[in-house]
């Protein structure tokens, strides 16, 4: 099998190439278009999502190019013009991109990214942009739910071996860290991104020694600083815990942990905590794993399980309960020869698939006193919200439902990333993104954050944008 050469410019749907060739042949290659990236529903029927993946998109945009081998492959398909293939030799992104910074809490229907570029450039990047945002936003959102369920207890991402491929594991660990995980089991994610990596031992370590006691003692002698012993290989209470306590006491280790990967966690953890305390090992932590998610963690804590940290694997790295984020990439406007922006709309019998036209911006409205987010307002790109004046918003469907803000602040969510093909955004560190995410989540009312039947956060259209959309719907309805 031929080695796969990873020029990610070629990670596109084939129709993006055929359409682009068509645009080129038809003399439309310089046509300026606007595309929005947005999603339609929150994962797990939750109240919010966490956007992630911008850094990888930036790196991808900077490296857009076609190698000669790529062009030769396309020539071999015998459906692309030679003039188009020659155009690809000097291909690079020359447009503008605005995006919501990573770690920001976002909601259905609002643009997470807007791309303004010549049509071929804008078309080419669709697949990769969606792939990255859909994957990392999904995992960051799931991680934020799990971390919140843990109520301050550390959560480690343990999912590499259950991820759908290497990139899913590596970038999934990055997204999980943004969403609230403290560490990962993925070594390469630490090496590449600085996500703290850690681990303990497998059952195989214990089984390879003549006794559990010998396995524990050897491990602690090699790693005397904060060792974690897996105590459920044979019998958690009557063997594993007994031998762990014996080794910790013999070696004088007090900063340590024991880990459970099976059994009745609530029952076992309570028994383990009491025996550790009776042995004077009050600082010894109890770590659990085994197919956990936010609901199981919440229930364990409700039942009074004595757990200090969680290792979460398959249900996090695959977002098993709702594994598709559902982000889409839709054209919302084009420019005519004079630079005028002409709005475009997609209409469907499925009301949820009707798009919001035009080049837009998004304001987040926060209560000035509490600092909590109250609503997001999608406006035309040239509209300005003056926070010194009362602001009335209304439900875009049930228009009689209205609310007026008087003491509030506003923040634009979309920020410039690329301008005329040049990067203008200063990328924060991963730690800064994680901290931003934590502030964002804390800035949401608890009613929005709850797992079951969360409050429906307001995402409304400005009156000008709403009227434009209604006019376009009516116009197309008359055709």
Protein backbone atom coordinates (compact mmCIF):
# COMPACT_ATOMS: atom_id res chain seq x y z
CA UNK A 1 0.00 0.00 0.00
CA UNK A 2 1.30 3.45 -0.92
CA UNK A 3 2.32 5.68 2.02
CA UNK A 4 -0.21 8.40 2.68
CA UNK A 5 1.28 11.85 2.17
CA UNK A 6 -0.61 14.22 4.42
CA UNK A 7 -1.05 17.43 2.48
CA UNK A 8 -4.22 18.47 4.27
CA UNK A 9 -5.24 20.77 1.43
CA UNK A 10 -6.35 17.56 -0.24
CA UNK A 11 -8.52 16.68 2.77
CA UNK A 12 -11.57 18.03 1.02
CA UNK A 13 -14.72 16.55 -0.41
CA UNK A 14 -14.25 15.80 -4.07
CA UNK A 15 -17.17 18.02 -5.03
CA UNK A 16 -15.24 21.00 -3.69
CA UNK A 17 -12.70 20.35 -6.44
CA UNK A 18 -15.27 19.78 -9.17
CA UNK A 19 -17.22 22.89 -8.19
CA UNK A 20 -14.02 24.93 -8.05
CA UNK A 21 -13.01 23.78 -11.51
CA UNK A 22 -16.49 24.78 -12.67
CA UNK A 23 -16.17 28.22 -11.08
CA UNK A 24 -12.77 28.64 -12.76
CA UNK A 25 -13.95 27.56 -16.20
CA UNK A 26 -17.01 29.80 -15.87
CA UNK A 27 -14.91 32.86 -15.05
CA UNK A 28 -16.10 33.03 -11.42
CA UNK A 29 -12.84 32.34 -9.57
CA UNK A 30 -12.59 35.89 -8.22
CA UNK A 31 -16.21 36.04 -7.01
CA UNK A 32 -16.20 37.05 -3.32
CA UNK A 33 -18.48 35.02 -1.08
CA UNK A 34 -19.29 34.78 2.61
CA UNK A 35 -19.72 31.46 4.43
CA UNK A 36 -20.91 30.92 8.00
CA UNK A 37 -19.99 27.98 10.22
CA UNK A 38 -22.70 27.21 12.75
CA UNK A 39 -24.43 24.25 14.39
CA UNK A 40 -28.09 23.50 14.99
CA UNK A 41 -28.40 21.59 18.29
CA UNK A 42 -26.44 21.31 21.52
CA UNK A 43 -24.92 17.87 22.21
CA UNK A 44 -26.75 15.68 24.76
CA UNK A 45 -29.71 18.11 24.72
CA UNK A 46 -27.55 20.39 26.84
CA UNK A 47 -27.85 24.12 27.31
CA UNK A 48 -24.62 25.17 25.58
CA UNK A 49 -21.52 24.06 23.68
CA UNK A 50 -17.81 24.95 23.91
CA UNK A 51 -16.11 25.88 20.64
CA UNK A 52 -12.60 24.51 20.00
CA UNK A 53 -10.17 23.80 17.17
CA UNK A 54 -9.26 27.30 15.96
CA UNK A 55 -5.50 26.80 16.38
CA UNK A 56 -5.50 23.79 14.04
CA UNK A 57 -7.56 25.71 11.47
CA UNK A 58 -5.07 28.58 11.58
CA UNK A 59 -2.17 26.19 10.94
CA UNK A 60 -4.09 24.57 8.10
CA UNK A 61 -4.93 27.90 6.43
CA UNK A 62 -1.30 29.02 6.64
CA UNK A 63 -0.14 25.86 4.86
CA UNK A 64 -2.71 25.68 2.06
CA UNK A 65 -0.96 24.55 -1.13
CA UNK A 66 -0.99 21.90 -3.84
CA UNK A 67 2.10 19.79 -4.50
CA UNK A 68 2.99 18.63 -7.99
CA UNK A 69 1.98 15.11 -6.97
CA UNK A 70 -1.46 16.43 -6.01
CA UNK A 71 -1.82 18.16 -9.37
CA UNK A 72 -0.69 15.03 -11.16
CA UNK A 73 -3.30 13.00 -9.30
CA UNK A 74 -6.01 15.48 -10.30
CA UNK A 75 -4.82 15.41 -13.91
CA UNK A 76 -5.21 11.66 -13.82
CA UNK A 77 -8.91 12.02 -13.00
CA UNK A 78 -9.35 13.52 -16.50
CA UNK A 79 -12.05 16.01 -15.51
CA UNK A 80 -10.12 19.16 -14.59
CA UNK A 81 -8.97 21.80 -17.07
CA UNK A 82 -5.24 22.38 -17.49
CA UNK A 83 -5.77 26.07 -16.75
CA UNK A 84 -7.38 25.16 -13.41
CA UNK A 85 -4.53 22.78 -12.54
CA UNK A 86 -2.01 25.49 -13.36
CA UNK A 87 -3.96 27.89 -11.10
CA UNK A 88 -3.58 25.42 -8.23
CA UNK A 89 0.24 25.61 -8.41
CA UNK A 90 0.18 29.06 -6.78
CA UNK A 91 -2.84 28.47 -4.61
CA UNK A 92 -2.98 30.19 -1.23
CA UNK A 93 -5.66 31.68 0.99
CA UNK A 94 -6.12 35.42 0.38
CA UNK A 95 -9.40 36.07 2.19
CA UNK A 96 -10.67 37.17 5.59
CA UNK A 97 -11.79 35.03 8.50
CA UNK A 98 -13.56 35.97 11.72
CA UNK A 99 -14.05 33.40 14.47
CA UNK A 100 -15.20 32.94 18.05
CA UNK A 101 -12.10 32.33 20.24
CA UNK A 102 -11.56 28.80 21.48
CA UNK A 103 -13.06 27.95 24.84
CA UNK A 104 -16.00 30.32 24.36
CA UNK A 105 -19.48 29.08 25.25
CA UNK A 106 -21.64 29.13 22.11
CA UNK A 107 -25.19 28.34 21.08
CA UNK A 108 -27.09 26.93 18.07
CA UNK A 109 -27.64 29.11 15.05
CA UNK A 110 -24.97 31.72 15.67
CA UNK A 111 -21.85 31.96 13.47
CA UNK A 112 -18.80 30.34 15.05
CA UNK A 113 -16.74 31.42 12.06
CA UNK A 114 -17.30 33.58 8.99
CA UNK A 115 -15.16 33.21 5.88
CA UNK A 116 -14.97 35.95 3.23
CA UNK A 117 -12.86 34.93 0.25
CA UNK A 118 -12.84 34.23 -3.47
CA UNK A 119 -15.24 31.34 -4.03
CA UNK A 120 -12.62 28.68 -4.83
CA UNK A 121 -10.62 29.45 -1.68
CA UNK A 122 -13.72 29.53 0.47
CA UNK A 123 -14.98 26.26 -1.01
CA UNK A 124 -11.72 24.37 -0.55
CA UNK A 125 -11.48 24.84 3.21
CA UNK A 126 -15.00 23.67 4.04
CA UNK A 127 -14.27 20.04 4.89
CA UNK A 128 -11.25 20.62 7.11
CA UNK A 129 -12.81 23.55 8.95
CA UNK A 130 -15.94 21.56 9.72
CA UNK A 131 -14.01 18.44 10.66
CA UNK A 132 -11.88 20.28 13.21
CA UNK A 133 -14.64 22.41 14.74
CA UNK A 134 -17.10 19.51 14.85
CA UNK A 135 -14.63 17.16 16.54
CA UNK A 136 -12.93 19.41 19.05
CA UNK A 137 -16.09 21.33 19.98
CA UNK A 138 -17.87 18.04 20.60
CA UNK A 139 -15.13 16.74 22.92
CA UNK A 140 -14.62 20.08 24.70
CA UNK A 141 -18.37 20.27 25.36
CA UNK A 142 -18.49 16.72 26.71
CA UNK A 143 -15.43 17.37 28.89
CA UNK A 144 -17.01 20.50 30.34
CA UNK A 145 -20.08 18.50 31.35
CA UNK A 146 -17.98 15.76 32.93
CA UNK A 147 -15.72 18.22 34.75
CA UNK A 148 -18.76 20.05 36.13
CA UNK A 149 -20.28 16.77 37.31
CA UNK A 150 -17.05 16.04 39.21
CA UNK A 151 -17.58 19.19 41.34
CA UNK A 152 -13.95 20.22 41.64
CA UNK A 153 -12.46 16.73 41.65
CA UNK A 154 -9.78 16.19 39.01
CA UNK A 155 -10.78 14.46 35.77
CA UNK A 156 -8.18 12.80 33.55
CA UNK A 157 -8.87 11.92 29.92
CA UNK A 158 -8.14 8.18 29.49
CA UNK A 159 -9.55 7.50 26.04
CA UNK A 160 -6.75 7.13 23.49
CA UNK A 161 -7.17 3.40 22.96
CA UNK A 162 -10.90 3.82 22.28
CA UNK A 163 -10.59 6.87 20.02
CA UNK A 164 -11.36 6.60 16.30
CA UNK A 165 -7.77 6.96 15.13
CA UNK A 166 -4.61 8.79 16.12
CA UNK A 167 -5.81 12.34 15.40
CA UNK A 168 -9.00 11.74 17.36
CA UNK A 169 -6.89 10.73 20.37
CA UNK A 170 -4.30 13.50 20.08
CA UNK A 171 -6.64 16.41 19.35
CA UNK A 172 -9.35 14.92 21.53
CA UNK A 173 -7.04 15.17 24.53
CA UNK A 174 -6.39 18.82 23.64
CA UNK A 175 -10.11 19.55 23.43
CA UNK A 176 -10.82 17.67 26.66
CA UNK A 177 -8.23 19.82 28.44
CA UNK A 178 -9.89 22.98 27.14
CA UNK A 179 -13.24 21.72 28.38
CA UNK A 180 -12.02 21.11 31.91
CA UNK A 181 -9.97 17.92 32.18
CA UNK A 182 -6.85 18.24 34.33
CA UNK A 183 -4.68 15.76 32.44
CA UNK A 184 -4.53 13.02 29.84
CA UNK A 185 -3.11 9.53 29.44
CA UNK A 186 -1.96 10.46 25.90
CA UNK A 187 1.79 11.04 26.01
CA UNK A 188 1.98 12.65 22.58
CA UNK A 189 -0.66 15.23 23.52
CA UNK A 190 1.61 16.34 26.33
CA UNK A 191 4.62 16.43 24.02
CA UNK A 192 2.83 18.38 21.28
CA UNK A 193 0.37 20.58 23.20
CA UNK A 194 1.50 20.52 26.81
CA UNK A 195 -1.61 18.75 28.09
CA UNK A 196 -0.25 17.24 31.34
CA UNK A 197 0.18 13.48 30.86
CA UNK A 198 0.04 10.98 33.68
CA UNK A 199 -0.68 7.36 34.41
CA UNK A 200 -0.38 4.56 36.89
CA UNK A 201 -0.14 0.90 36.02
CA UNK A 202 -2.11 -1.81 34.25
CA UNK A 203 -3.28 -5.10 35.69
CA UNK A 204 -0.51 -6.72 33.64
CA UNK A 205 2.16 -5.11 35.87
CA UNK A 206 0.71 -6.84 38.91
CA UNK A 207 0.16 -10.16 37.15
CA UNK A 208 3.79 -10.36 36.04
CA UNK A 209 5.04 -10.52 39.65
CA UNK A 210 4.82 -13.52 41.94
CA UNK A 211 2.63 -11.55 44.35
CA UNK A 212 0.56 -8.40 44.44
CA UNK A 213 2.62 -7.17 47.37
CA UNK A 214 5.86 -7.54 45.38
CA UNK A 215 4.33 -5.71 42.41
CA UNK A 216 3.24 -2.80 44.58
CA UNK A 217 6.50 -2.58 46.50
CA UNK A 218 8.62 -2.65 43.36
CA UNK A 219 6.52 0.06 41.75
CA UNK A 220 6.71 2.30 44.81
CA UNK A 221 10.45 1.85 45.10
CA UNK A 222 10.86 2.96 41.47
CA UNK A 223 8.28 5.77 41.72
CA UNK A 224 8.20 6.88 45.37
CA UNK A 225 6.70 10.32 44.60
CA UNK A 226 2.89 10.14 44.63
CA UNK A 227 2.49 6.54 43.41
CA UNK A 228 -0.96 5.29 42.45
CA UNK A 229 -1.63 1.57 42.90
CA UNK A 230 -4.33 -0.32 41.01
CA UNK A 231 -5.93 -2.47 43.71
CA UNK A 232 -8.68 -4.48 41.96
CA UNK A 233 -6.65 -7.10 40.05
CA UNK A 234 -7.66 -9.87 42.47
CA UNK A 235 -9.77 -8.52 45.33
CA UNK A 236 -9.96 -4.81 46.00
CA UNK A 237 -10.67 -4.91 49.75
CA UNK A 238 -9.12 -8.15 50.97
CA UNK A 239 -6.00 -8.18 48.80
CA UNK A 240 -5.30 -5.00 46.86
CA UNK A 241 -6.03 -2.50 49.61
CA UNK A 242 -4.29 -4.64 52.27
CA UNK A 243 -1.10 -4.85 50.20
CA UNK A 244 -1.22 -1.17 49.21
CA UNK A 245 -1.49 -0.05 52.84
CA UNK A 246 1.32 -2.43 53.82
CA UNK A 247 3.67 -1.07 51.15
CA UNK A 248 2.82 2.59 51.84
CA UNK A 249 3.47 2.08 55.57
CA UNK A 250 6.70 0.13 55.07
CA UNK A 251 8.15 2.73 52.70
CA UNK A 252 6.83 5.72 54.66
CA UNK A 253 4.82 7.02 51.70
CA UNK A 254 1.90 9.26 52.64
CA UNK A 255 1.34 11.17 49.37
CA UNK A 256 -0.19 8.41 47.29
CA UNK A 257 -3.37 7.04 45.72
CA UNK A 258 -5.23 3.83 45.04
CA UNK A 259 -7.27 3.22 41.90
CA UNK A 260 -10.39 1.17 41.24
CA UNK A 261 -11.39 0.10 37.74
CA UNK A 262 -14.32 -2.18 38.58
CA UNK A 263 -16.89 -3.13 41.18
CA UNK A 264 -19.48 -1.24 43.20
CA UNK A 265 -17.61 2.06 43.38
CA UNK A 266 -19.77 3.72 46.03
CA UNK A 267 -19.60 0.73 48.40
CA UNK A 268 -15.92 0.01 47.81
CA UNK A 269 -14.79 3.62 48.03
CA UNK A 270 -16.47 4.12 51.41
CA UNK A 271 -14.82 0.98 52.79
CA UNK A 272 -11.47 1.95 51.33
CA UNK A 273 -11.64 5.49 52.74
CA UNK A 274 -12.31 4.20 56.25
CA UNK A 275 -9.48 1.68 56.14
CA UNK A 276 -7.03 4.23 54.74
CA UNK A 277 -7.97 6.70 57.47
CA UNK A 278 -7.68 4.01 60.17
CA UNK A 279 -4.18 3.27 58.85
CA UNK A 280 -3.21 6.94 59.13
CA UNK A 281 -3.20 7.41 55.35
CA UNK A 282 -5.64 10.29 55.36
CA UNK A 283 -3.88 11.97 52.43
CA UNK A 284 -4.10 8.88 50.22
CA UNK A 285 -6.46 9.65 47.33
CA UNK A 286 -9.01 7.33 45.77
CA UNK A 287 -9.13 7.38 41.96
CA UNK A 288 -11.73 5.57 39.88
CA UNK A 289 -12.21 4.75 36.21
CA UNK A 290 -14.37 2.28 34.20
CA UNK A 291 -16.76 3.66 31.53
CA UNK A 292 -17.65 6.86 33.34
CA UNK A 293 -19.60 9.85 32.08
CA UNK A 294 -21.20 12.95 33.62
CA UNK A 295 -24.33 11.09 34.71
CA UNK A 296 -22.49 8.25 36.45
CA UNK A 297 -20.10 10.67 38.14
CA UNK A 298 -22.98 12.84 39.33
CA UNK A 299 -24.78 9.79 40.73
CA UNK A 300 -21.66 8.50 42.51
CA UNK A 301 -21.19 11.85 44.22
CA UNK A 302 -24.88 11.98 45.12
CA UNK A 303 -24.55 8.55 46.73
CA UNK A 304 -21.62 9.77 48.83
CA UNK A 305 -18.85 7.85 47.06
CA UNK A 306 -15.45 8.69 48.55
CA UNK A 307 -13.72 9.59 45.31
CA UNK A 308 -11.00 12.18 44.81
CA UNK A 309 -10.40 11.93 41.05
CA UNK A 310 -11.83 10.31 37.93
CA UNK A 311 -10.31 8.74 34.83
CA UNK A 312 -12.76 9.00 31.93
CA UNK A 313 -12.14 7.17 28.67
CA UNK A 314 -14.42 5.98 25.90
CA UNK A 315 -17.50 7.99 26.80
CA UNK A 316 -15.47 11.20 26.69
CA UNK A 317 -13.11 10.70 23.76
CA UNK A 318 -15.94 9.46 21.52
CA UNK A 319 -18.69 11.60 23.11
CA UNK A 320 -20.51 8.28 23.12
CA UNK A 321 -23.95 9.54 24.15
CA UNK A 322 -24.15 12.05 21.24
CA UNK A 323 -21.17 11.61 18.92
CA UNK A 324 -22.00 14.16 16.18
CA UNK A 325 -21.68 17.92 16.71
CA UNK A 326 -23.50 18.80 13.50
CA UNK A 327 -21.69 21.95 12.43
CA UNK A 328 -22.44 23.14 8.88
CA UNK A 329 -20.85 25.55 6.38
CA UNK A 330 -23.37 27.66 4.47
CA UNK A 331 -23.08 30.57 2.08
CA UNK A 332 -24.79 33.68 3.46
CA UNK A 333 -23.78 36.43 1.02
CA UNK A 334 -21.86 37.34 -2.13
CA UNK A 335 -20.33 40.57 -3.37
CA UNK A 336 -21.18 42.14 -6.69
CA UNK A 337 -18.61 43.84 -8.94
CA UNK A 338 -19.00 47.08 -7.00
CA UNK A 339 -18.36 45.47 -3.62
CA UNK A 340 -21.99 45.55 -2.52
CA UNK A 341 -22.94 42.67 -0.24
CA UNK A 342 -25.88 40.66 -1.58
CA UNK A 343 -27.53 38.42 1.04
CA UNK A 344 -28.24 34.76 0.24
CA UNK A 345 -30.61 32.38 2.03
CA UNK A 346 -31.19 28.62 1.95
CA UNK A 347 -34.84 27.63 2.35
CA UNK A 348 -36.12 24.24 3.43
CA UNK A 349 -39.41 22.64 4.40
CA UNK A 350 -37.49 21.69 7.52
CA UNK A 351 -37.65 25.05 9.33
CA UNK A 352 -34.50 24.26 11.32
CA UNK A 353 -32.49 24.16 8.10
CA UNK A 354 -33.43 27.64 6.90
CA UNK A 355 -30.31 29.79 7.09
CA UNK A 356 -29.91 33.36 8.29
CA UNK A 357 -28.72 35.56 5.40
CA UNK A 358 -26.06 38.27 5.11
CA UNK A 359 -22.69 39.10 6.62
CA UNK A 360 -23.26 39.18 10.37
CA UNK A 361 -21.78 39.86 13.79
CA UNK A 362 -22.78 38.42 17.17
CA UNK A 363 -23.06 40.37 20.43
CA UNK A 364 -23.13 38.72 23.85
CA UNK A 365 -25.29 40.64 26.33
CA UNK A 366 -24.30 40.37 30.00
CA UNK A 367 -25.98 41.72 33.09
CA UNK A 368 -23.68 44.47 34.38
CA UNK A 369 -24.16 43.65 38.07
CA UNK A 370 -23.83 39.86 38.01
CA UNK A 371 -21.67 39.55 34.92
CA UNK A 372 -23.84 36.64 33.77
CA UNK A 373 -24.64 36.16 30.09
CA UNK A 374 -28.28 36.93 29.33
CA UNK A 375 -28.59 36.56 25.57
CA UNK A 376 -26.77 36.65 22.25
CA UNK A 377 -27.89 39.01 19.49
CA UNK A 378 -27.07 38.31 15.84
CA UNK A 379 -26.90 41.54 13.82
CA UNK A 380 -26.00 42.75 10.38
CA UNK A 381 -22.26 43.37 10.10
CA UNK A 382 -22.59 47.17 10.23
CA UNK A 383 -25.01 47.37 13.17
CA UNK A 384 -23.71 48.72 16.48
CA UNK A 385 -25.28 48.08 19.87
CA UNK A 386 -24.98 51.10 22.17
CA UNK A 387 -24.90 49.74 25.73
CA UNK A 388 -25.71 53.18 27.12
CA UNK A 389 -29.24 52.88 25.72
CA UNK A 390 -32.00 50.35 26.50
CA UNK A 391 -31.93 47.32 24.22
CA UNK A 392 -35.05 45.33 23.33
CA UNK A 393 -34.73 41.84 21.92
CA UNK A 394 -37.45 39.48 20.75
CA UNK A 395 -37.86 35.80 19.96
CA UNK A 396 -37.39 35.40 16.18
CA UNK A 397 -40.28 32.88 16.03
CA UNK A 398 -42.60 33.99 18.85
CA UNK A 399 -42.05 37.66 18.16
CA UNK A 400 -44.40 38.80 20.93
CA UNK A 401 -41.91 37.48 23.49
CA UNK A 402 -39.69 40.46 24.22
CA UNK A 403 -37.18 41.55 26.82
CA UNK A 404 -35.53 44.91 27.45
CA UNK A 405 -32.06 45.33 28.94
CA UNK A 406 -31.11 48.59 30.64
CA UNK A 407 -28.01 47.85 32.74
CA UNK A 408 -25.88 45.63 30.57
CA UNK A 409 -22.60 45.20 28.70
CA UNK A 410 -22.02 43.83 25.21
CA UNK A 411 -19.08 41.96 23.68
CA UNK A 412 -18.57 41.01 20.04
CA UNK A 413 -17.96 37.26 19.85
CA UNK A 414 -16.41 37.07 16.37
CA UNK A 415 -12.87 38.45 16.19
CA UNK A 416 -10.58 38.91 13.13
CA UNK A 417 -8.31 35.92 12.45
CA UNK A 418 -7.08 36.46 8.87
CA UNK A 419 -7.11 39.69 6.86
CA UNK A 420 -6.31 39.48 3.14
CA UNK A 421 -4.74 36.10 3.78
CA UNK A 422 -2.47 37.32 6.59
CA UNK A 423 -2.83 36.10 10.16
CA UNK A 424 -3.82 39.01 12.44
CA UNK A 425 -4.78 36.98 15.52
CA UNK A 426 -2.45 36.32 18.43
CA UNK A 427 -3.08 32.72 19.49
CA UNK A 428 -3.36 32.29 23.27
CA UNK A 429 -1.66 29.41 25.05
CA UNK A 430 -3.62 26.24 25.71
CA UNK A 431 -3.67 27.04 29.41
CA UNK A 432 -5.11 30.49 28.66
CA UNK A 433 -7.80 28.89 26.47
CA UNK A 434 -8.71 26.49 29.28
CA UNK A 435 -8.93 29.36 31.78
CA UNK A 436 -11.08 31.34 29.33
CA UNK A 437 -13.40 28.35 29.01
CA UNK A 438 -13.76 28.10 32.79
CA UNK A 439 -14.65 31.80 33.04
CA UNK A 440 -17.14 31.42 30.20
CA UNK A 441 -18.93 28.53 31.88
CA UNK A 442 -18.98 30.30 35.24
CA UNK A 443 -20.47 33.30 33.40
CA UNK A 444 -23.55 31.30 32.47
CA UNK A 445 -26.56 31.01 34.77
CA UNK A 446 -26.87 27.62 36.47
CA UNK A 447 -30.22 27.09 34.71
CA UNK A 448 -28.37 27.08 31.37
CA UNK A 449 -25.71 24.68 32.66
CA UNK A 450 -27.94 21.97 34.11
CA UNK A 451 -27.90 18.57 32.40
CA UNK A 452 -31.64 17.94 32.28
CA UNK A 453 -34.12 20.39 30.74
CA UNK A 454 -31.70 23.35 30.67
CA UNK A 455 -33.02 26.86 30.26
CA UNK A 456 -33.26 27.87 26.60
CA UNK A 457 -30.62 30.59 26.25
CA UNK A 458 -31.81 33.46 24.04
CA UNK A 459 -30.16 33.75 20.62
CA UNK A 460 -32.12 36.43 18.80
CA UNK A 461 -31.87 38.42 15.59
CA UNK A 462 -31.74 42.19 15.44
CA UNK A 463 -34.88 43.74 14.02
CA UNK A 464 -33.11 44.72 10.79
CA UNK A 465 -31.77 41.21 10.28
CA UNK A 466 -35.09 39.61 11.19
CA UNK A 467 -36.94 41.80 8.69
CA UNK A 468 -34.41 41.03 5.97
CA UNK A 469 -34.85 37.30 6.56
CA UNK A 470 -38.65 37.56 6.53
CA UNK A 471 -38.57 39.61 3.33
CA UNK A 472 -36.35 37.06 1.60
CA UNK A 473 -38.58 34.20 2.76
CA UNK A 474 -41.63 36.01 1.45
CA UNK A 475 -39.95 36.84 -1.86
CA UNK A 476 -38.92 33.23 -2.46
CA UNK A 477 -42.38 32.05 -1.37
CA UNK A 478 -43.94 34.14 -4.18
CA UNK A 479 -41.77 32.59 -6.86
